[in-house]
């Protein structure tokens, strides 16, 4: 146990001395979370390397991990707002943009009386010859070229990441603990990344800043690399309450991933910070079955908690058929942290049924596992809203084929999946599957309030009525409202070293919500698991 004694102080120092930062780069926080979620081929390969004993005489401690280097080429095309100044010619001036039709929405005129066309205001200036500010929109590429993010930094179509995962599990008698640290950093040199800064002039004693001058740092060598970002992905304690060889009841407390516990391809991307109960049993000659349920923290600031459960029947009549049903409650009754009563963004009570059929198939004289899987879900809490043009868009479904399994040198697997997620099917922070990029991190429920002075935005969706307090809409892109395909091929070069190839693309499920949108991503990832 000498290694354990040396390892614990190292982990403690790391956790207490390094500041926690959100991952930055060319992805939103949600996109990065979705990208770091392993799909089935990678998950099974990494899991197969997790049971390594530190010493032959000590069977309690297990250490595993993996090192990854990833390149992604990402293309995204959608609606974008831009500011346009033009001169008003008459009262019915209309503007035709690159996508659709836009009416005339507001202008900056003089403060005095307008009078008839051609008259001058109190300030003696012809308001009809002055620039009029509008906010039209275009359907265009959002990455590459001269495109920038909200901070004015260029957005590339290429994304490079370096990642290290460390997993530790300790089991003794009827209890266990498990932790998983993930270091996921954008690649590149560190460099000096500020474009503008300040230069201080001190007094002679050096204890006071006399003046501060602007400093232009645009000519310096820049870099995107970082080396300090890490995430506590998992940290939980488990205890076996009862076991008799046929029945088993466990309890676990702490942090896990929802998709570690519950089955879905299009939800459960979020954390599970809470308490979980698992019961498993079997009916002889019929099936194995289990029930899992728990409660978790959503927002501690406003006492917002979620509840989730799943029941499953496995290998029914030894046919290889598995059936599962789960339900999760995200609803908030009361005020959220922004003091909004019963917010629309929490209107999610989701039921999901999944089906899996697994069998062995001979391919090239080898017996290869083949799995057909599918799922369907519905959000029972969805309402008809102005953001969805007066309709419920609360359904999601997927179907896929998974062939092969990767465990040692020469193994391979292929995963093909089709996914449809409507706008209100899954919370935007919890959706899985292909996704739609959403580089600007826009949400379905974003809007411009009418208290914002001098801001005039056309109705993006081409004529849906305004709701009280809403003056105009941003593009309702969000992370849902898509249909797409994913193709993934994993090949083991050695027992520990694999290459993962992924190509995925999606379009909008309903173009009337946020306009047309296209996304595609090609990824190559090298993974060494130990």
Protein backbone atom coordinates (compact mmCIF):
# COMPACT_ATOMS: atom_id res chain seq x y z
CA UNK A 1 0.00 0.00 0.00
CA UNK A 2 3.04 2.28 -0.23
CA UNK A 3 1.90 3.51 -3.62
CA UNK A 4 -1.49 4.47 -2.19
CA UNK A 5 0.15 6.44 0.63
CA UNK A 6 2.20 8.40 -1.89
CA UNK A 7 -0.69 8.88 -4.25
CA UNK A 8 -3.20 10.32 -1.77
CA UNK A 9 -1.10 13.41 -0.82
CA UNK A 10 -0.45 14.08 -4.51
CA UNK A 11 -4.17 14.07 -5.29
CA UNK A 12 -4.92 16.25 -2.26
CA UNK A 13 -2.31 18.85 -3.24
CA UNK A 14 -3.57 18.88 -6.82
CA UNK A 15 -7.16 19.45 -5.76
CA UNK A 16 -6.37 22.20 -3.25
CA UNK A 17 -3.65 24.16 -5.02
CA UNK A 18 -4.86 24.35 -8.62
CA UNK A 19 -7.60 26.84 -9.43
CA UNK A 20 -10.67 25.48 -11.18
CA UNK A 21 -11.50 27.05 -14.51
CA UNK A 22 -14.16 26.41 -17.11
CA UNK A 23 -12.74 25.00 -20.31
CA UNK A 24 -12.18 27.63 -22.95
CA UNK A 25 -11.52 27.28 -26.64
CA UNK A 26 -13.60 27.13 -29.77
CA UNK A 27 -16.53 25.33 -28.15
CA UNK A 28 -19.30 26.28 -25.78
CA UNK A 29 -19.36 24.66 -22.34
CA UNK A 30 -22.21 22.40 -23.47
CA UNK A 31 -20.46 21.41 -26.70
CA UNK A 32 -17.33 20.43 -24.78
CA UNK A 33 -19.38 18.42 -22.27
CA UNK A 34 -21.13 16.65 -25.14
CA UNK A 35 -17.83 16.03 -26.92
CA UNK A 36 -16.23 14.44 -23.83
CA UNK A 37 -19.11 12.00 -23.42
CA UNK A 38 -17.83 8.64 -24.66
CA UNK A 39 -19.97 6.71 -27.09
CA UNK A 40 -20.40 2.97 -26.69
CA UNK A 41 -17.28 1.74 -28.59
CA UNK A 42 -14.84 3.97 -26.70
CA UNK A 43 -16.62 3.43 -23.38
CA UNK A 44 -16.38 -0.37 -23.66
CA UNK A 45 -12.71 -0.25 -24.67
CA UNK A 46 -11.69 2.04 -21.80
CA UNK A 47 -13.78 0.05 -19.31
CA UNK A 48 -11.99 -3.16 -20.30
CA UNK A 49 -8.71 -1.65 -18.98
CA UNK A 50 -10.03 -0.56 -15.60
CA UNK A 51 -9.31 -3.63 -13.45
CA UNK A 52 -5.56 -3.44 -12.84
CA UNK A 53 -4.29 -4.56 -9.46
CA UNK A 54 -1.49 -2.48 -7.95
CA UNK A 55 -0.09 -5.53 -6.16
CA UNK A 56 -0.94 -9.17 -6.35
CA UNK A 57 -1.49 -9.31 -2.61
CA UNK A 58 -3.71 -6.24 -2.55
CA UNK A 59 -6.99 -6.65 -4.40
CA UNK A 60 -8.57 -3.52 -3.01
CA UNK A 61 -7.11 -0.74 -5.16
CA UNK A 62 -7.68 -0.39 -8.90
CA UNK A 63 -6.10 2.35 -11.05
CA UNK A 64 -6.91 2.98 -14.70
CA UNK A 65 -6.83 5.84 -17.14
CA UNK A 66 -6.30 6.96 -20.70
CA UNK A 67 -4.42 9.58 -22.70
CA UNK A 68 -6.01 11.14 -25.79
CA UNK A 69 -5.14 13.52 -28.60
CA UNK A 70 -7.99 14.69 -30.78
CA UNK A 71 -8.49 16.62 -34.02
CA UNK A 72 -11.92 17.78 -35.13
CA UNK A 73 -12.99 19.56 -38.29
CA UNK A 74 -16.29 21.31 -37.56
CA UNK A 75 -18.59 23.04 -40.02
CA UNK A 76 -21.66 25.00 -38.89
CA UNK A 77 -24.06 27.14 -40.88
CA UNK A 78 -27.05 29.03 -39.51
CA UNK A 79 -28.79 32.33 -38.89
CA UNK A 80 -26.76 35.25 -37.54
CA UNK A 81 -27.72 38.83 -36.58
CA UNK A 82 -25.78 41.78 -37.94
CA UNK A 83 -26.18 45.54 -37.55
CA UNK A 84 -27.08 47.46 -40.68
CA UNK A 85 -27.35 51.25 -41.20
CA UNK A 86 -29.24 52.65 -44.17
CA UNK A 87 -31.16 55.81 -45.10
CA UNK A 88 -34.91 55.77 -44.87
CA UNK A 89 -36.64 56.72 -48.16
CA UNK A 90 -40.29 56.52 -47.21
CA UNK A 91 -42.63 55.36 -44.47
CA UNK A 92 -43.02 51.90 -45.98
CA UNK A 93 -39.35 51.15 -46.53
CA UNK A 94 -38.73 47.41 -46.73
CA UNK A 95 -35.46 45.55 -46.65
CA UNK A 96 -34.72 42.29 -48.43
CA UNK A 97 -31.84 40.36 -46.92
CA UNK A 98 -30.00 37.23 -47.88
CA UNK A 99 -32.56 35.01 -46.21
CA UNK A 100 -36.23 35.85 -46.49
CA UNK A 101 -38.09 39.11 -46.03
CA UNK A 102 -37.70 41.77 -43.35
CA UNK A 103 -40.03 44.64 -42.65
CA UNK A 104 -38.97 48.06 -41.36
CA UNK A 105 -38.38 47.97 -37.59
CA UNK A 106 -37.58 51.27 -35.92
CA UNK A 107 -34.97 53.98 -36.43
CA UNK A 108 -32.99 56.61 -34.57
CA UNK A 109 -34.59 59.93 -35.40
CA UNK A 110 -34.48 63.39 -33.85
CA UNK A 111 -35.94 64.03 -30.46
CA UNK A 112 -38.23 66.77 -31.82
CA UNK A 113 -41.56 66.48 -33.60
CA UNK A 114 -41.32 64.55 -36.85
CA UNK A 115 -43.86 66.32 -39.00
CA UNK A 116 -44.54 65.22 -42.54
CA UNK A 117 -42.02 63.58 -44.82
CA UNK A 118 -39.23 66.01 -45.63
CA UNK A 119 -39.90 68.26 -42.59
CA UNK A 120 -37.18 68.95 -40.09
CA UNK A 121 -37.33 68.31 -36.37
CA UNK A 122 -36.68 70.84 -33.64
CA UNK A 123 -32.95 70.42 -34.12
CA UNK A 124 -33.18 71.59 -37.71
CA UNK A 125 -32.00 68.28 -39.23
CA UNK A 126 -33.78 66.15 -41.80
CA UNK A 127 -34.45 62.88 -39.98
CA UNK A 128 -35.18 61.05 -43.21
CA UNK A 129 -31.64 61.60 -44.46
CA UNK A 130 -30.08 60.17 -41.31
CA UNK A 131 -28.92 56.54 -41.03
CA UNK A 132 -31.53 54.11 -39.70
CA UNK A 133 -30.25 51.22 -37.56
CA UNK A 134 -31.78 47.79 -38.15
CA UNK A 135 -30.85 44.25 -37.18
CA UNK A 136 -31.42 41.98 -40.18
CA UNK A 137 -30.04 38.46 -40.38
CA UNK A 138 -28.32 36.10 -42.79
CA UNK A 139 -28.00 32.37 -43.27
CA UNK A 140 -24.25 31.85 -43.46
CA UNK A 141 -21.28 29.89 -42.14
CA UNK A 142 -20.52 30.54 -38.45
CA UNK A 143 -16.97 29.13 -38.36
CA UNK A 144 -13.82 29.74 -40.37
CA UNK A 145 -12.73 32.71 -42.49
CA UNK A 146 -13.17 36.05 -40.76
CA UNK A 147 -15.90 34.87 -38.37
CA UNK A 148 -15.42 35.66 -34.68
CA UNK A 149 -17.10 34.76 -31.41
CA UNK A 150 -18.84 37.20 -29.04
CA UNK A 151 -15.43 38.26 -27.66
CA UNK A 152 -14.11 39.08 -31.12
CA UNK A 153 -11.70 36.10 -31.27
CA UNK A 154 -11.56 34.15 -34.58
CA UNK A 155 -13.43 30.85 -34.79
CA UNK A 156 -11.61 28.12 -36.70
CA UNK A 157 -13.07 25.03 -38.33
CA UNK A 158 -10.26 22.99 -36.69
CA UNK A 159 -10.21 22.02 -33.02
CA UNK A 160 -7.35 20.20 -31.25
CA UNK A 161 -7.53 18.81 -27.71
CA UNK A 162 -5.23 16.98 -25.31
CA UNK A 163 -6.93 14.88 -22.62
CA UNK A 164 -5.92 12.73 -19.67
CA UNK A 165 -8.31 10.68 -17.53
CA UNK A 166 -7.33 9.16 -14.18
CA UNK A 167 -9.68 6.73 -12.41
CA UNK A 168 -9.22 5.27 -8.94
CA UNK A 169 -11.43 2.71 -7.20
CA UNK A 170 -11.00 1.26 -3.74
CA UNK A 171 -13.14 -1.65 -2.53
CA UNK A 172 -13.13 -3.20 0.91
CA UNK A 173 -15.71 -5.71 2.09
CA UNK A 174 -19.19 -4.26 1.41
CA UNK A 175 -18.20 -0.67 0.60
CA UNK A 176 -16.35 1.10 -2.21
CA UNK A 177 -15.29 4.54 -3.40
CA UNK A 178 -14.49 5.73 -6.90
CA UNK A 179 -13.02 8.95 -8.33
CA UNK A 180 -12.38 10.15 -11.87
CA UNK A 181 -10.33 13.25 -12.74
CA UNK A 182 -10.39 14.55 -16.30
CA UNK A 183 -7.81 16.96 -17.70
CA UNK A 184 -9.08 18.27 -21.05
CA UNK A 185 -7.10 21.14 -22.57
CA UNK A 186 -7.06 22.91 -25.94
CA UNK A 187 -3.83 22.29 -27.87
CA UNK A 188 -1.29 24.93 -28.88
CA UNK A 189 1.43 27.04 -27.30
CA UNK A 190 0.48 29.15 -24.29
CA UNK A 191 1.67 32.49 -25.69
CA UNK A 192 0.38 35.91 -24.64
CA UNK A 193 -3.23 35.96 -25.77
CA UNK A 194 -4.39 39.46 -24.85
CA UNK A 195 -4.77 41.82 -27.81
CA UNK A 196 -4.97 44.94 -25.64
CA UNK A 197 -3.74 45.62 -22.13
CA UNK A 198 -2.43 48.50 -19.99
CA UNK A 199 1.02 49.79 -18.99
CA UNK A 200 1.45 51.29 -15.51
CA UNK A 201 3.60 54.36 -14.61
CA UNK A 202 4.65 54.35 -10.93
CA UNK A 203 5.89 57.06 -8.57
CA UNK A 204 9.56 57.07 -7.56
CA UNK A 205 8.96 54.95 -4.46
CA UNK A 206 7.11 52.35 -6.52
CA UNK A 207 4.16 52.19 -4.14
CA UNK A 208 1.60 54.02 -6.25
CA UNK A 209 0.41 53.91 -9.84
CA UNK A 210 0.42 57.45 -11.23
CA UNK A 211 -0.94 56.80 -14.70
CA UNK A 212 -2.07 53.89 -16.86
CA UNK A 213 -1.53 53.87 -20.60
CA UNK A 214 -3.21 51.55 -23.13
CA UNK A 215 -0.93 48.89 -24.55
CA UNK A 216 -1.41 47.28 -27.99
CA UNK A 217 -0.38 43.61 -27.96
CA UNK A 218 -1.74 42.52 -31.31
CA UNK A 219 1.72 41.96 -32.84
CA UNK A 220 2.77 39.32 -30.29
CA UNK A 221 2.88 35.58 -31.02
CA UNK A 222 -0.41 34.07 -29.85
CA UNK A 223 -1.36 30.53 -28.82
CA UNK A 224 -4.43 28.56 -27.81
CA UNK A 225 -2.86 25.95 -25.51
CA UNK A 226 -3.68 25.62 -21.81
CA UNK A 227 -2.42 23.30 -19.09
CA UNK A 228 -4.53 23.82 -16.00
CA UNK A 229 -8.13 22.85 -16.77
CA UNK A 230 -9.51 19.76 -15.07
CA UNK A 231 -12.89 18.42 -14.02
CA UNK A 232 -14.00 16.16 -11.21
CA UNK A 233 -16.08 13.84 -13.38
CA UNK A 234 -16.95 11.26 -10.72
CA UNK A 235 -16.52 10.91 -6.96
CA UNK A 236 -18.89 8.68 -5.02
CA UNK A 237 -19.17 6.17 -2.19
CA UNK A 238 -21.10 2.90 -2.42
CA UNK A 239 -22.36 0.36 0.09
CA UNK A 240 -23.99 -3.04 -0.37
CA UNK A 241 -27.01 -3.11 1.94
CA UNK A 242 -28.16 -6.66 1.13
CA UNK A 243 -27.09 -9.57 -1.08
CA UNK A 244 -28.05 -13.26 -1.04
CA UNK A 245 -26.73 -14.47 -4.39
CA UNK A 246 -29.98 -13.74 -6.25
CA UNK A 247 -31.01 -10.35 -4.93
CA UNK A 248 -28.81 -7.32 -4.34
CA UNK A 249 -29.49 -3.84 -2.94
CA UNK A 250 -26.86 -1.07 -3.13
CA UNK A 251 -26.72 2.59 -2.23
CA UNK A 252 -24.35 5.18 -3.72
CA UNK A 253 -23.79 8.79 -2.67
CA UNK A 254 -21.82 11.47 -4.51
CA UNK A 255 -21.11 12.49 -8.11
CA UNK A 256 -21.61 10.32 -11.16
CA UNK A 257 -22.73 10.87 -14.75
CA UNK A 258 -26.39 10.29 -15.50
CA UNK A 259 -25.48 8.23 -18.57
CA UNK A 260 -23.36 5.94 -16.32
CA UNK A 261 -26.55 4.96 -14.53
CA UNK A 262 -29.44 5.34 -16.98
CA UNK A 263 -29.82 4.26 -20.59
CA UNK A 264 -30.25 6.73 -23.47
CA UNK A 265 -28.50 8.07 -26.56
CA UNK A 266 -30.21 11.48 -26.54
CA UNK A 267 -30.30 12.54 -22.89
CA UNK A 268 -28.46 12.10 -19.55
CA UNK A 269 -25.39 14.20 -20.41
CA UNK A 270 -25.55 16.04 -17.05
CA UNK A 271 -24.02 15.24 -13.68
CA UNK A 272 -25.78 13.25 -11.00
CA UNK A 273 -24.81 14.79 -7.64
CA UNK A 274 -27.03 12.98 -5.20
CA UNK A 275 -28.12 9.67 -3.69
CA UNK A 276 -28.92 6.51 -5.65
CA UNK A 277 -30.53 3.15 -4.81
CA UNK A 278 -30.08 0.06 -6.99
CA UNK A 279 -31.96 -3.24 -6.67
CA UNK A 280 -31.24 -6.21 -8.95
CA UNK A 281 -32.78 -9.66 -9.12
CA UNK A 282 -33.72 -12.42 -11.56
CA UNK A 283 -36.71 -14.54 -12.49
CA UNK A 284 -35.40 -17.98 -13.35
CA UNK A 285 -35.68 -18.91 -17.05
CA UNK A 286 -37.40 -15.58 -17.80
CA UNK A 287 -35.10 -12.55 -17.37
CA UNK A 288 -32.83 -10.56 -15.10
CA UNK A 289 -34.34 -7.32 -13.88
CA UNK A 290 -33.40 -4.23 -11.90
CA UNK A 291 -34.82 -1.00 -10.50
CA UNK A 292 -32.68 2.11 -10.03
CA UNK A 293 -33.82 5.44 -8.60
CA UNK A 294 -32.41 8.55 -7.04
CA UNK A 295 -32.59 12.25 -6.24
CA UNK A 296 -29.98 14.81 -7.26
CA UNK A 297 -29.15 18.49 -6.90
CA UNK A 298 -29.98 20.81 -9.80
CA UNK A 299 -29.51 24.23 -8.17
CA UNK A 300 -28.73 24.39 -4.46
CA UNK A 301 -29.26 28.17 -4.39
CA UNK A 302 -33.03 27.79 -4.84
CA UNK A 303 -33.55 24.26 -3.46
CA UNK A 304 -34.12 22.81 -6.92
CA UNK A 305 -33.82 19.01 -6.98
CA UNK A 306 -34.39 16.41 -9.67
CA UNK A 307 -35.73 12.87 -9.50
CA UNK A 308 -35.00 9.97 -11.82
CA UNK A 309 -35.71 6.25 -12.02
CA UNK A 310 -35.33 3.30 -14.38
CA UNK A 311 -36.58 -0.28 -14.59
CA UNK A 312 -35.02 -2.83 -16.93
CA UNK A 313 -35.62 -6.40 -18.09
CA UNK A 314 -32.52 -8.04 -19.53
CA UNK A 315 -32.02 -11.02 -21.86
CA UNK A 316 -35.73 -11.83 -21.90
CA UNK A 317 -36.26 -15.60 -22.40
CA UNK A 318 -32.53 -15.75 -23.31
CA UNK A 319 -33.26 -14.09 -26.65
CA UNK A 320 -30.79 -11.21 -26.25
CA UNK A 321 -33.63 -8.68 -25.96
CA UNK A 322 -33.41 -5.94 -23.32
CA UNK A 323 -36.26 -3.56 -22.48
CA UNK A 324 -35.87 -0.46 -20.31
CA UNK A 325 -38.08 2.39 -19.19
CA UNK A 326 -36.90 5.51 -17.36
CA UNK A 327 -38.42 8.79 -16.22
CA UNK A 328 -36.75 12.01 -15.05
CA UNK A 329 -38.29 15.11 -13.47
CA UNK A 330 -36.53 18.48 -13.98
CA UNK A 331 -39.49 20.74 -13.07
CA UNK A 332 -39.11 23.79 -10.84
CA UNK A 333 -42.18 24.99 -8.95
CA UNK A 334 -41.34 28.39 -7.58
CA UNK A 335 -38.62 30.94 -8.30
CA UNK A 336 -35.36 30.14 -10.00
CA UNK A 337 -32.10 32.02 -9.29
CA UNK A 338 -33.23 34.80 -11.65
CA UNK A 339 -36.48 35.20 -9.64
CA UNK A 340 -38.66 33.81 -12.44
CA UNK A 341 -41.65 31.81 -11.26
CA UNK A 342 -42.02 28.31 -12.76
CA UNK A 343 -39.50 28.94 -15.58
CA UNK A 344 -40.23 27.44 -19.00
CA UNK A 345 -36.71 26.06 -19.17
CA UNK A 346 -37.52 23.63 -16.35
CA UNK A 347 -40.70 22.26 -17.91
CA UNK A 348 -39.37 18.75 -18.42
CA UNK A 349 -40.88 15.49 -17.21
CA UNK A 350 -39.44 12.94 -19.63
CA UNK A 351 -40.43 9.32 -20.15
CA UNK A 352 -38.25 7.11 -22.31
CA UNK A 353 -38.48 3.50 -23.51
CA UNK A 354 -35.47 1.74 -25.05
CA UNK A 355 -35.07 -1.55 -26.91
CA UNK A 356 -31.86 -3.53 -27.50
CA UNK A 357 -31.36 -6.80 -29.38
CA UNK A 358 -27.94 -8.47 -29.25
CA UNK A 359 -26.77 -11.59 -31.02
CA UNK A 360 -23.57 -13.14 -32.46
CA UNK A 361 -22.96 -12.98 -36.21
CA UNK A 362 -20.20 -14.66 -38.23
CA UNK A 363 -18.22 -12.08 -40.22
CA UNK A 364 -15.08 -13.18 -42.11
CA UNK A 365 -15.11 -16.50 -40.24
CA UNK A 366 -15.19 -14.64 -36.90
CA UNK A 367 -18.04 -14.52 -34.44
CA UNK A 368 -18.84 -10.83 -33.94
CA UNK A 369 -21.43 -9.33 -31.56
CA UNK A 370 -24.17 -7.34 -33.29
CA UNK A 371 -26.55 -5.01 -31.49
CA UNK A 372 -29.66 -3.22 -32.73
CA UNK A 373 -30.84 -0.48 -30.41
CA UNK A 374 -33.53 2.19 -30.39
CA UNK A 375 -35.32 4.57 -28.06
CA UNK A 376 -38.31 6.89 -27.94
CA UNK A 377 -39.03 9.66 -25.43
CA UNK A 378 -41.69 12.25 -24.72
CA UNK A 379 -41.62 15.34 -22.52
CA UNK A 380 -44.97 15.33 -20.71
CA UNK A 381 -44.46 18.82 -19.22
CA UNK A 382 -44.01 20.67 -22.54
CA UNK A 383 -46.38 23.56 -23.29
CA UNK A 384 -47.33 25.37 -26.45
CA UNK A 385 -45.28 28.57 -26.43
CA UNK A 386 -44.51 31.50 -28.70
CA UNK A 387 -40.92 30.23 -28.84
CA UNK A 388 -42.14 27.05 -30.59
CA UNK A 389 -44.71 28.91 -32.71
CA UNK A 390 -47.67 27.74 -30.66
CA UNK A 391 -46.91 24.02 -30.93
CA UNK A 392 -45.59 21.27 -28.71
CA UNK A 393 -42.24 19.99 -29.96
CA UNK A 394 -41.68 17.40 -27.24
CA UNK A 395 -40.61 14.16 -28.93
CA UNK A 396 -37.28 12.46 -29.54
CA UNK A 397 -36.19 9.12 -30.93
CA UNK A 398 -33.14 7.25 -32.20
CA UNK A 399 -32.14 3.95 -33.82
CA UNK A 400 -28.74 2.41 -34.36
CA UNK A 401 -26.58 -0.57 -35.26
CA UNK A 402 -23.46 -1.49 -33.29
CA UNK A 403 -21.17 -4.19 -34.66
CA UNK A 404 -18.02 -5.61 -33.07
CA UNK A 405 -16.19 -4.99 -29.82
CA UNK A 406 -12.71 -3.64 -29.08
CA UNK A 407 -10.65 -5.26 -26.34
CA UNK A 408 -7.29 -6.27 -27.85
CA UNK A 409 -5.05 -5.76 -30.88
CA UNK A 410 -6.85 -6.09 -34.21
CA UNK A 411 -10.36 -5.70 -32.76
CA UNK A 412 -12.75 -3.22 -34.36
CA UNK A 413 -16.24 -1.86 -33.98
CA UNK A 414 -18.68 0.14 -36.10
CA UNK A 415 -21.55 2.24 -34.75
CA UNK A 416 -24.22 3.80 -37.02
CA UNK A 417 -26.94 5.93 -35.47
CA UNK A 418 -29.85 8.12 -36.58
CA UNK A 419 -31.23 10.69 -34.10
CA UNK A 420 -34.19 13.09 -34.01
CA UNK A 421 -34.63 15.55 -31.11
CA UNK A 422 -37.41 18.13 -31.20
CA UNK A 423 -37.01 21.54 -29.57
CA UNK A 424 -38.75 20.70 -26.26
CA UNK A 425 -37.86 17.01 -26.00
CA UNK A 426 -34.84 17.31 -23.69
CA UNK A 427 -33.32 20.17 -21.64
CA UNK A 428 -30.71 22.01 -23.70
CA UNK A 429 -27.97 21.24 -21.15
CA UNK A 430 -28.76 17.51 -21.03
CA UNK A 431 -29.24 16.55 -24.68
CA UNK A 432 -26.99 13.88 -26.21
CA UNK A 433 -26.55 12.44 -29.67
CA UNK A 434 -25.15 14.28 -32.68
CA UNK A 435 -26.06 17.79 -31.53
CA UNK A 436 -25.92 20.87 -33.75
CA UNK A 437 -22.72 22.72 -32.76
CA UNK A 438 -24.32 25.96 -31.53
CA UNK A 439 -20.98 27.80 -31.36
CA UNK A 440 -22.61 30.98 -29.99
CA UNK A 441 -24.28 29.08 -27.14
CA UNK A 442 -27.72 30.43 -27.99
CA UNK A 443 -30.81 29.04 -26.26
CA UNK A 444 -34.34 28.36 -27.44
CA UNK A 445 -35.76 30.75 -24.83
CA UNK A 446 -33.41 33.72 -25.51
CA UNK A 447 -35.23 36.99 -26.16
CA UNK A 448 -34.84 40.77 -26.13
CA UNK A 449 -36.96 42.47 -23.49
CA UNK A 450 -38.84 45.63 -24.40
CA UNK A 451 -37.09 47.53 -21.60
CA UNK A 452 -33.90 47.52 -23.68
CA UNK A 453 -33.81 51.07 -25.05
CA UNK A 454 -33.12 51.68 -28.76
CA UNK A 455 -32.95 47.98 -29.58
CA UNK A 456 -35.24 46.95 -32.41
CA UNK A 457 -35.10 43.35 -33.63
CA UNK A 458 -37.29 41.79 -36.29
CA UNK A 459 -39.23 38.64 -35.54
CA UNK A 460 -36.79 35.97 -36.67
CA UNK A 461 -39.30 33.28 -37.41
CA UNK A 462 -41.22 35.28 -39.96
CA UNK A 463 -44.34 36.46 -38.20
CA UNK A 464 -45.07 34.60 -34.98
CA UNK A 465 -46.87 36.78 -32.44
CA UNK A 466 -45.01 38.43 -29.59
CA UNK A 467 -45.59 37.34 -26.02
CA UNK A 468 -45.95 39.90 -23.18
CA UNK A 469 -42.64 41.49 -22.27
CA UNK A 470 -40.89 40.24 -25.40
CA UNK A 471 -39.99 42.79 -28.06
CA UNK A 472 -37.99 40.60 -30.41
CA UNK A 473 -36.18 37.29 -30.61
CA UNK A 474 -32.63 36.21 -31.06
CA UNK A 475 -32.06 33.19 -33.32
CA UNK A 476 -33.66 30.30 -31.41
CA UNK A 477 -30.85 27.92 -32.14
CA UNK A 478 -30.31 26.08 -28.87
CA UNK A 479 -28.86 22.58 -28.54
CA UNK A 480 -32.04 20.67 -29.47
CA UNK A 481 -34.23 20.87 -32.61
CA UNK A 482 -32.12 18.66 -34.89
CA UNK A 483 -32.09 15.43 -36.87
CA UNK A 484 -28.82 13.78 -37.83
CA UNK A 485 -26.55 10.80 -38.43
CA UNK A 486 -23.41 9.53 -36.71
CA UNK A 487 -20.85 7.02 -38.03
CA UNK A 488 -18.08 5.83 -35.71
CA UNK A 489 -15.29 3.32 -36.40
CA UNK A 490 -12.88 2.22 -33.66
CA UNK A 491 -9.76 0.10 -34.36
CA UNK A 492 -7.19 -1.30 -31.90
CA UNK A 493 -3.60 -0.95 -33.15
CA UNK A 494 -2.30 -2.63 -29.98
CA UNK A 495 -3.97 -4.02 -26.87
CA UNK A 496 -3.98 -0.51 -25.40
CA UNK A 497 -3.72 1.91 -28.33
CA UNK A 498 -6.73 2.66 -30.57
CA UNK A 499 -7.81 5.13 -33.23
CA UNK A 500 -11.37 6.44 -33.19
CA UNK A 501 -12.94 7.92 -36.35
CA UNK A 502 -16.24 9.80 -36.11
CA UNK A 503 -18.29 11.57 -38.78
CA UNK A 504 -21.58 13.17 -37.85
CA UNK A 505 -23.93 15.74 -39.33
CA UNK A 506 -27.31 17.26 -38.55
CA UNK A 507 -29.93 19.68 -39.87
CA UNK A 508 -32.73 21.50 -38.08
CA UNK A 509 -35.78 19.41 -37.17
CA UNK A 510 -38.10 22.40 -37.62
CA UNK A 511 -36.73 25.32 -39.66
CA UNK A 512 -39.48 27.62 -38.37
CA UNK A 513 -37.75 27.53 -34.98
CA UNK A 514 -34.49 29.45 -35.38
CA UNK A 515 -34.31 29.13 -39.15
CA UNK A 516 -32.25 26.67 -41.21
CA UNK A 517 -29.13 25.24 -39.60
CA UNK A 518 -26.48 22.76 -40.72
CA UNK A 519 -23.73 21.13 -38.67
CA UNK A 520 -21.10 18.52 -39.48
CA UNK A 521 -18.06 17.22 -37.64
CA UNK A 522 -15.23 14.88 -38.62
CA UNK A 523 -13.03 13.68 -35.76
CA UNK A 524 -9.91 11.54 -35.36
CA UNK A 525 -8.91 10.64 -31.81
CA UNK A 526 -5.90 8.62 -30.65
CA UNK A 527 -6.54 6.84 -27.32
CA UNK A 528 -4.10 4.94 -25.12
CA UNK A 529 -5.89 3.22 -22.23
CA UNK A 530 -4.22 1.47 -19.32
